[in-house]
Amino acid sequence: EEPVPIMLLGEGWELSTALATEKKATSRNS
C-alpha cells in the first residue's frame, strides 16, 4: 500500500521454536 517499493528481507533459518515447520517463514517455505 506504500507509494514506493518496500524491501522485505530476513533470516529464514529453521529454528527450534514451538511452531510447526510448515508455518515458519523459512527459506524452504519461500
PDB file of all heavy atoms in Angstrom:
ATOM      1  N   GLU A   1       0.812  -1.212   0.000  1.00  0.00           N
ATOM      2  CA  GLU A   1       0.000   0.000   0.000  1.00  0.00           C
ATOM      3  C   GLU A   1       0.849   1.267   0.000  1.00  0.00           C
ATOM      4  O   GLU A   1       0.328   2.371  -0.171  1.00  0.00           O
ATOM      5  CB  GLU A   1      -0.930   0.000   1.221  1.00  0.00           C
ATOM      6  CG  GLU A   1      -1.910  -1.172   1.247  1.00  0.00           C
ATOM      7  CD  GLU A   1      -2.724  -1.222   2.527  1.00  0.00           C
ATOM      8  OE1 GLU A   1      -2.585  -0.289   3.351  1.00  0.00           O
ATOM      9  OE2 GLU A   1      -3.489  -2.189   2.708  1.00  0.00           O
ATOM     10  N   GLU A   2       2.155   1.124   0.186  1.00  0.00           N
ATOM     11  CA  GLU A   2       3.037   2.286   0.229  1.00  0.00           C
ATOM     12  C   GLU A   2       3.272   2.848  -1.177  1.00  0.00           C
ATOM     13  O   GLU A   2       3.208   2.108  -2.164  1.00  0.00           O
ATOM     14  CB  GLU A   2       4.372   1.909   0.862  1.00  0.00           C
ATOM     15  CG  GLU A   2       4.323   1.755   2.363  1.00  0.00           C
ATOM     16  CD  GLU A   2       3.960   3.054   3.064  1.00  0.00           C
ATOM     17  OE1 GLU A   2       4.756   4.005   3.038  1.00  0.00           O
ATOM     18  OE2 GLU A   2       2.853   3.103   3.637  1.00  0.00           O
ATOM     19  N   PRO A   3       3.581   4.141  -1.282  1.00  0.00           N
ATOM     20  CA  PRO A   3       3.803   4.753  -2.597  1.00  0.00           C
ATOM     21  C   PRO A   3       5.142   4.397  -3.220  1.00  0.00           C
ATOM     22  O   PRO A   3       5.387   4.748  -4.380  1.00  0.00           O
ATOM     23  CB  PRO A   3       3.719   6.263  -2.296  1.00  0.00           C
ATOM     24  CG  PRO A   3       4.119   6.380  -0.859  1.00  0.00           C
ATOM     25  CD  PRO A   3       3.590   5.145  -0.195  1.00  0.00           C
ATOM     26  N   VAL A   4       6.028   3.734  -2.469  1.00  0.00           N
ATOM     27  CA  VAL A   4       7.314   3.295  -3.010  1.00  0.00           C
ATOM     28  C   VAL A   4       7.479   1.810  -2.712  1.00  0.00           C
ATOM     29  O   VAL A   4       6.861   1.281  -1.781  1.00  0.00           O
ATOM     30  CB  VAL A   4       8.492   4.090  -2.385  1.00  0.00           C
ATOM     31  CG1 VAL A   4       8.317   5.580  -2.625  1.00  0.00           C
ATOM     32  CG2 VAL A   4       8.631   3.796  -0.901  1.00  0.00           C
ATOM     33  N   PRO A   5       8.297   1.095  -3.487  1.00  0.00           N
ATOM     34  CA  PRO A   5       8.525  -0.330  -3.205  1.00  0.00           C
ATOM     35  C   PRO A   5       9.229  -0.504  -1.857  1.00  0.00           C
ATOM     36  O   PRO A   5      10.209   0.188  -1.568  1.00  0.00           O
ATOM     37  CB  PRO A   5       9.419  -0.790  -4.358  1.00  0.00           C
ATOM     38  CG  PRO A   5       9.267   0.247  -5.419  1.00  0.00           C
ATOM     39  CD  PRO A   5       8.996   1.530  -4.706  1.00  0.00           C
ATOM     40  N   ILE A   6       8.740  -1.416  -1.047  1.00  0.00           N
ATOM     41  CA  ILE A   6       9.287  -1.652   0.283  1.00  0.00           C
ATOM     42  C   ILE A   6      10.078  -2.960   0.275  1.00  0.00           C
ATOM     43  O   ILE A   6       9.563  -4.011  -0.111  1.00  0.00           O
ATOM     44  CB  ILE A   6       8.168  -1.710   1.342  1.00  0.00           C
ATOM     45  CG1 ILE A   6       7.387  -0.396   1.365  1.00  0.00           C
ATOM     46  CG2 ILE A   6       8.745  -2.023   2.718  1.00  0.00           C
ATOM     47  CD1 ILE A   6       8.216   0.838   1.685  1.00  0.00           C
ATOM     48  N   MET A   7      11.322  -2.880   0.716  1.00  0.00           N
ATOM     49  CA  MET A   7      12.199  -4.046   0.762  1.00  0.00           C
ATOM     50  C   MET A   7      11.936  -4.850   2.033  1.00  0.00           C
ATOM     51  O   MET A   7      12.008  -4.313   3.139  1.00  0.00           O
ATOM     52  CB  MET A   7      13.660  -3.601   0.724  1.00  0.00           C
ATOM     53  CG  MET A   7      14.679  -4.716   0.926  1.00  0.00           C
ATOM     54  SD  MET A   7      14.749  -5.875  -0.457  1.00  0.00           S
ATOM     55  CE  MET A   7      15.655  -4.892  -1.661  1.00  0.00           C
ATOM     56  N   LEU A   8      11.639  -6.135   1.872  1.00  0.00           N
ATOM     57  CA  LEU A   8      11.459  -7.042   2.997  1.00  0.00           C
ATOM     58  C   LEU A   8      12.480  -8.166   2.868  1.00  0.00           C
ATOM     59  O   LEU A   8      12.548  -8.833   1.839  1.00  0.00           O
ATOM     60  CB  LEU A   8      10.045  -7.631   3.016  1.00  0.00           C
ATOM     61  CG  LEU A   8       8.886  -6.634   3.118  1.00  0.00           C
ATOM     62  CD1 LEU A   8       7.549  -7.369   3.016  1.00  0.00           C
ATOM     63  CD2 LEU A   8       8.956  -5.833   4.408  1.00  0.00           C
ATOM     64  N   LEU A   9      13.276  -8.365   3.901  1.00  0.00           N
ATOM     65  CA  LEU A   9      14.260  -9.435   3.890  1.00  0.00           C
ATOM     66  C   LEU A   9      14.469  -9.922   5.316  1.00  0.00           C
ATOM     67  O   LEU A   9      14.145  -9.212   6.275  1.00  0.00           O
ATOM     68  CB  LEU A   9      15.586  -8.964   3.292  1.00  0.00           C
ATOM     69  CG  LEU A   9      16.420  -7.941   4.073  1.00  0.00           C
ATOM     70  CD1 LEU A   9      17.880  -8.000   3.642  1.00  0.00           C
ATOM     71  CD2 LEU A   9      15.888  -6.522   3.875  1.00  0.00           C
ATOM     72  N   GLY A  10      14.983 -11.140   5.441  1.00  0.00           N
ATOM     73  CA  GLY A  10      15.191 -11.642   6.789  1.00  0.00           C
ATOM     74  C   GLY A  10      15.980 -12.919   6.832  1.00  0.00           C
ATOM     75  O   GLY A  10      16.331 -13.509   5.801  1.00  0.00           O
ATOM     76  N   GLU A  11      16.253 -13.323   8.060  1.00  0.00           N
ATOM     77  CA  GLU A  11      16.977 -14.554   8.321  1.00  0.00           C
ATOM     78  C   GLU A  11      15.983 -15.716   8.344  1.00  0.00           C
ATOM     79  O   GLU A  11      15.296 -15.915   9.337  1.00  0.00           O
ATOM     80  CB  GLU A  11      17.707 -14.454   9.660  1.00  0.00           C
ATOM     81  CG  GLU A  11      18.778 -13.378   9.691  1.00  0.00           C
ATOM     82  CD  GLU A  11      19.415 -13.240  11.060  1.00  0.00           C
ATOM     83  OE1 GLU A  11      18.669 -13.070  12.045  1.00  0.00           O
ATOM     84  OE2 GLU A  11      20.657 -13.324  11.150  1.00  0.00           O
ATOM     85  N   GLY A  12      15.936 -16.445   7.268  1.00  0.00           N
ATOM     86  CA  GLY A  12      14.957 -17.523   7.146  1.00  0.00           C
ATOM     87  C   GLY A  12      15.477 -18.842   7.672  1.00  0.00           C
ATOM     88  O   GLY A  12      15.264 -19.884   7.045  1.00  0.00           O
ATOM     89  N   TRP A  13      16.163 -18.802   8.809  1.00  0.00           N
ATOM     90  CA  TRP A  13      16.721 -20.045   9.356  1.00  0.00           C
ATOM     91  C   TRP A  13      15.619 -20.906   9.976  1.00  0.00           C
ATOM     92  O   TRP A  13      14.616 -20.410  10.486  1.00  0.00           O
ATOM     93  CB  TRP A  13      17.772 -19.757  10.429  1.00  0.00           C
ATOM     94  CG  TRP A  13      18.680 -18.575  10.260  1.00  0.00           C
ATOM     95  CD1 TRP A  13      19.040 -17.687  11.229  1.00  0.00           C
ATOM     96  CD2 TRP A  13      19.378 -18.144   9.079  1.00  0.00           C
ATOM     97  NE1 TRP A  13      19.902 -16.744  10.731  1.00  0.00           N
ATOM     98  CE2 TRP A  13      20.128 -16.993   9.415  1.00  0.00           C
ATOM     99  CE3 TRP A  13      19.434 -18.628   7.768  1.00  0.00           C
ATOM    100  CZ2 TRP A  13      20.923 -16.319   8.490  1.00  0.00           C
ATOM    101  CZ3 TRP A  13      20.220 -17.948   6.851  1.00  0.00           C
ATOM    102  CH2 TRP A  13      20.952 -16.826   7.203  1.00  0.00           C
ATOM    103  N   GLU A  14      15.846 -22.196   9.986  1.00  0.00           N
ATOM    104  CA  GLU A  14      14.964 -23.140  10.677  1.00  0.00           C
ATOM    105  C   GLU A  14      15.363 -23.146  12.151  1.00  0.00           C
ATOM    106  O   GLU A  14      16.453 -23.574  12.511  1.00  0.00           O
ATOM    107  CB  GLU A  14      15.108 -24.545  10.081  1.00  0.00           C
ATOM    108  CG  GLU A  14      14.295 -25.614  10.774  1.00  0.00           C
ATOM    109  CD  GLU A  14      12.796 -25.471  10.568  1.00  0.00           C
ATOM    110  OE1 GLU A  14      12.379 -25.161   9.441  1.00  0.00           O
ATOM    111  OE2 GLU A  14      12.046 -25.680  11.545  1.00  0.00           O
ATOM    112  N   LEU A  15      14.479 -22.647  13.018  1.00  0.00           N
ATOM    113  CA  LEU A  15      14.762 -22.552  14.450  1.00  0.00           C
ATOM    114  C   LEU A  15      13.845 -23.490  15.229  1.00  0.00           C
ATOM    115  O   LEU A  15      12.715 -23.759  14.813  1.00  0.00           O
ATOM    116  CB  LEU A  15      14.558 -21.112  14.930  1.00  0.00           C
ATOM    117  CG  LEU A  15      15.420 -20.056  14.227  1.00  0.00           C
ATOM    118  CD1 LEU A  15      14.945 -18.656  14.585  1.00  0.00           C
ATOM    119  CD2 LEU A  15      16.882 -20.226  14.605  1.00  0.00           C
ATOM    120  N   SER A  16      14.325 -23.935  16.366  1.00  0.00           N
ATOM    121  CA  SER A  16      13.555 -24.917  17.154  1.00  0.00           C
ATOM    122  C   SER A  16      12.540 -24.231  18.053  1.00  0.00           C
ATOM    123  O   SER A  16      12.484 -24.437  19.264  1.00  0.00           O
ATOM    124  CB  SER A  16      14.509 -25.771  18.000  1.00  0.00           C
ATOM    125  OG  SER A  16      15.277 -24.942  18.868  1.00  0.00           O
ATOM    126  N   THR A  17      11.731 -23.368  17.438  1.00  0.00           N
ATOM    127  CA  THR A  17      10.653 -22.718  18.167  1.00  0.00           C
ATOM    128  C   THR A  17       9.402 -23.585  18.105  1.00  0.00           C
ATOM    129  O   THR A  17       9.272 -24.450  17.222  1.00  0.00           O
ATOM    130  CB  THR A  17      10.372 -21.319  17.589  1.00  0.00           C
ATOM    131  OG1 THR A  17       9.399 -20.651  18.399  1.00  0.00           O
ATOM    132  CG2 THR A  17       9.862 -21.412  16.158  1.00  0.00           C
ATOM    133  N   ALA A  18       8.482 -23.378  19.050  1.00  0.00           N
ATOM    134  CA  ALA A  18       7.277 -24.211  19.154  1.00  0.00           C
ATOM    135  C   ALA A  18       6.239 -23.791  18.111  1.00  0.00           C
ATOM    136  O   ALA A  18       5.135 -23.345  18.427  1.00  0.00           O
ATOM    137  CB  ALA A  18       6.697 -24.120  20.560  1.00  0.00           C
ATOM    138  N   LEU A  19       6.609 -23.944  16.863  1.00  0.00           N
ATOM    139  CA  LEU A  19       5.743 -23.637  15.732  1.00  0.00           C
ATOM    140  C   LEU A  19       6.023 -24.687  14.674  1.00  0.00           C
ATOM    141  O   LEU A  19       7.177 -25.032  14.431  1.00  0.00           O
ATOM    142  CB  LEU A  19       6.050 -22.228  15.203  1.00  0.00           C
ATOM    143  CG  LEU A  19       5.155 -21.665  14.104  1.00  0.00           C
ATOM    144  CD1 LEU A  19       3.756 -21.397  14.642  1.00  0.00           C
ATOM    145  CD2 LEU A  19       5.752 -20.373  13.540  1.00  0.00           C
ATOM    146  N   ALA A  20       4.969 -25.187  14.061  1.00  0.00           N
ATOM    147  CA  ALA A  20       5.139 -26.238  13.058  1.00  0.00           C
ATOM    148  C   ALA A  20       6.024 -25.756  11.913  1.00  0.00           C
ATOM    149  O   ALA A  20       5.942 -24.595  11.488  1.00  0.00           O
ATOM    150  CB  ALA A  20       3.781 -26.673  12.523  1.00  0.00           C
ATOM    151  N   THR A  21       6.872 -26.640  11.409  1.00  0.00           N
ATOM    152  CA  THR A  21       7.819 -26.290  10.356  1.00  0.00           C
ATOM    153  C   THR A  21       7.134 -25.654   9.154  1.00  0.00           C
ATOM    154  O   THR A  21       7.645 -24.683   8.579  1.00  0.00           O
ATOM    155  CB  THR A  21       8.601 -27.543   9.914  1.00  0.00           C
ATOM    156  OG1 THR A  21       9.405 -27.997  11.011  1.00  0.00           O
ATOM    157  CG2 THR A  21       9.491 -27.258   8.724  1.00  0.00           C
ATOM    158  N   GLU A  22       5.974 -26.173   8.779  1.00  0.00           N
ATOM    159  CA  GLU A  22       5.294 -25.663   7.591  1.00  0.00           C
ATOM    160  C   GLU A  22       4.716 -24.261   7.794  1.00  0.00           C
ATOM    161  O   GLU A  22       4.269 -23.623   6.845  1.00  0.00           O
ATOM    162  CB  GLU A  22       4.191 -26.618   7.152  1.00  0.00           C
ATOM    163  CG  GLU A  22       3.024 -26.769   8.124  1.00  0.00           C
ATOM    164  CD  GLU A  22       3.255 -27.849   9.177  1.00  0.00           C
ATOM    165  OE1 GLU A  22       4.406 -28.307   9.322  1.00  0.00           O
ATOM    166  OE2 GLU A  22       2.271 -28.222   9.854  1.00  0.00           O
ATOM    167  N   LYS A  23       4.730 -23.769   9.042  1.00  0.00           N
ATOM    168  CA  LYS A  23       4.200 -22.432   9.323  1.00  0.00           C
ATOM    169  C   LYS A  23       5.295 -21.382   9.505  1.00  0.00           C
ATOM    170  O   LYS A  23       5.000 -20.202   9.691  1.00  0.00           O
ATOM    171  CB  LYS A  23       3.322 -22.469  10.579  1.00  0.00           C
ATOM    172  CG  LYS A  23       2.055 -23.300  10.427  1.00  0.00           C
ATOM    173  CD  LYS A  23       1.200 -23.247  11.676  1.00  0.00           C
ATOM    174  CE  LYS A  23      -0.083 -24.054  11.501  1.00  0.00           C
ATOM    175  NZ  LYS A  23      -0.934 -23.995  12.709  1.00  0.00           N
ATOM    176  N   LYS A  24       6.545 -21.780   9.442  1.00  0.00           N
ATOM    177  CA  LYS A  24       7.647 -20.866   9.704  1.00  0.00           C
ATOM    178  C   LYS A  24       8.071 -20.122   8.437  1.00  0.00           C
ATOM    179  O   LYS A  24       8.096 -20.706   7.349  1.00  0.00           O
ATOM    180  CB  LYS A  24       8.849 -21.629  10.265  1.00  0.00           C
ATOM    181  CG  LYS A  24       8.604 -22.306  11.603  1.00  0.00           C
ATOM    182  CD  LYS A  24       9.814 -23.140  12.011  1.00  0.00           C
ATOM    183  CE  LYS A  24       9.568 -23.895  13.304  1.00  0.00           C
ATOM    184  NZ  LYS A  24      10.705 -24.775  13.649  1.00  0.00           N
ATOM    185  N   ALA A  25       8.449 -18.872   8.607  1.00  0.00           N
ATOM    186  CA  ALA A  25       8.895 -18.052   7.477  1.00  0.00           C
ATOM    187  C   ALA A  25      10.365 -18.344   7.177  1.00  0.00           C
ATOM    188  O   ALA A  25      11.244 -17.504   7.351  1.00  0.00           O
ATOM    189  CB  ALA A  25       8.693 -16.575   7.786  1.00  0.00           C
ATOM    190  N   THR A  26      10.614 -19.552   6.709  1.00  0.00           N
ATOM    191  CA  THR A  26      11.971 -20.001   6.407  1.00  0.00           C
ATOM    192  C   THR A  26      12.199 -20.015   4.899  1.00  0.00           C
ATOM    193  O   THR A  26      11.252 -19.951   4.107  1.00  0.00           O
ATOM    194  CB  THR A  26      12.206 -21.414   6.964  1.00  0.00           C
ATOM    195  OG1 THR A  26      11.230 -22.298   6.389  1.00  0.00           O
ATOM    196  CG2 THR A  26      12.065 -21.437   8.478  1.00  0.00           C
ATOM    197  N   SER A  27      13.455 -20.141   4.513  1.00  0.00           N
ATOM    198  CA  SER A  27      13.779 -20.163   3.091  1.00  0.00           C
ATOM    199  C   SER A  27      13.145 -21.366   2.402  1.00  0.00           C
ATOM    200  O   SER A  27      12.788 -21.288   1.219  1.00  0.00           O
ATOM    201  CB  SER A  27      15.292 -20.166   2.889  1.00  0.00           C
ATOM    202  OG  SER A  27      15.896 -21.254   3.563  1.00  0.00           O
ATOM    203  N   ARG A  28      12.986 -22.474   3.127  1.00  0.00           N
ATOM    204  CA  ARG A  28      12.364 -23.647   2.495  1.00  0.00           C
ATOM    205  C   ARG A  28      10.895 -23.391   2.163  1.00  0.00           C
ATOM    206  O   ARG A  28      10.314 -24.067   1.320  1.00  0.00           O
ATOM    207  CB  ARG A  28      12.496 -24.879   3.393  1.00  0.00           C
ATOM    208  CG  ARG A  28      11.574 -24.903   4.593  1.00  0.00           C
ATOM    209  CD  ARG A  28      11.507 -26.268   5.246  1.00  0.00           C
ATOM    210  NE  ARG A  28      12.788 -26.690   5.783  1.00  0.00           N
ATOM    211  CZ  ARG A  28      12.987 -27.865   6.376  1.00  0.00           C
ATOM    212  NH1 ARG A  28      11.996 -28.718   6.497  1.00  0.00           N
ATOM    213  NH2 ARG A  28      14.169 -28.175   6.865  1.00  0.00           N
ATOM    214  N   ASN A  29      10.293 -22.408   2.814  1.00  0.00           N
ATOM    215  CA  ASN A  29       8.901 -22.038   2.536  1.00  0.00           C
ATOM    216  C   ASN A  29       8.811 -20.750   1.723  1.00  0.00           C
ATOM    217  O   ASN A  29       7.779 -20.079   1.720  1.00  0.00           O
ATOM    218  CB  ASN A  29       8.133 -21.879   3.854  1.00  0.00           C
ATOM    219  CG  ASN A  29       7.992 -23.189   4.605  1.00  0.00           C
ATOM    220  OD1 ASN A  29       7.865 -24.247   3.995  1.00  0.00           O
ATOM    221  ND2 ASN A  29       8.017 -23.129   5.924  1.00  0.00           N
ATOM    222  N   SER A  30       9.874 -20.407   1.017  1.00  0.00           N
ATOM    223  CA  SER A  30       9.931 -19.134   0.297  1.00  0.00           C
ATOM    224  C   SER A  30       8.853 -19.001  -0.772  1.00  0.00           C
ATOM    225  O   SER A  30       8.449 -17.883  -1.109  1.00  0.00           O
ATOM    226  CB  SER A  30      11.309 -18.940  -0.331  1.00  0.00           C
ATOM    227  OG  SER A  30      11.590 -19.967  -1.271  1.00  0.00           O
TER     228      SER A  30
END
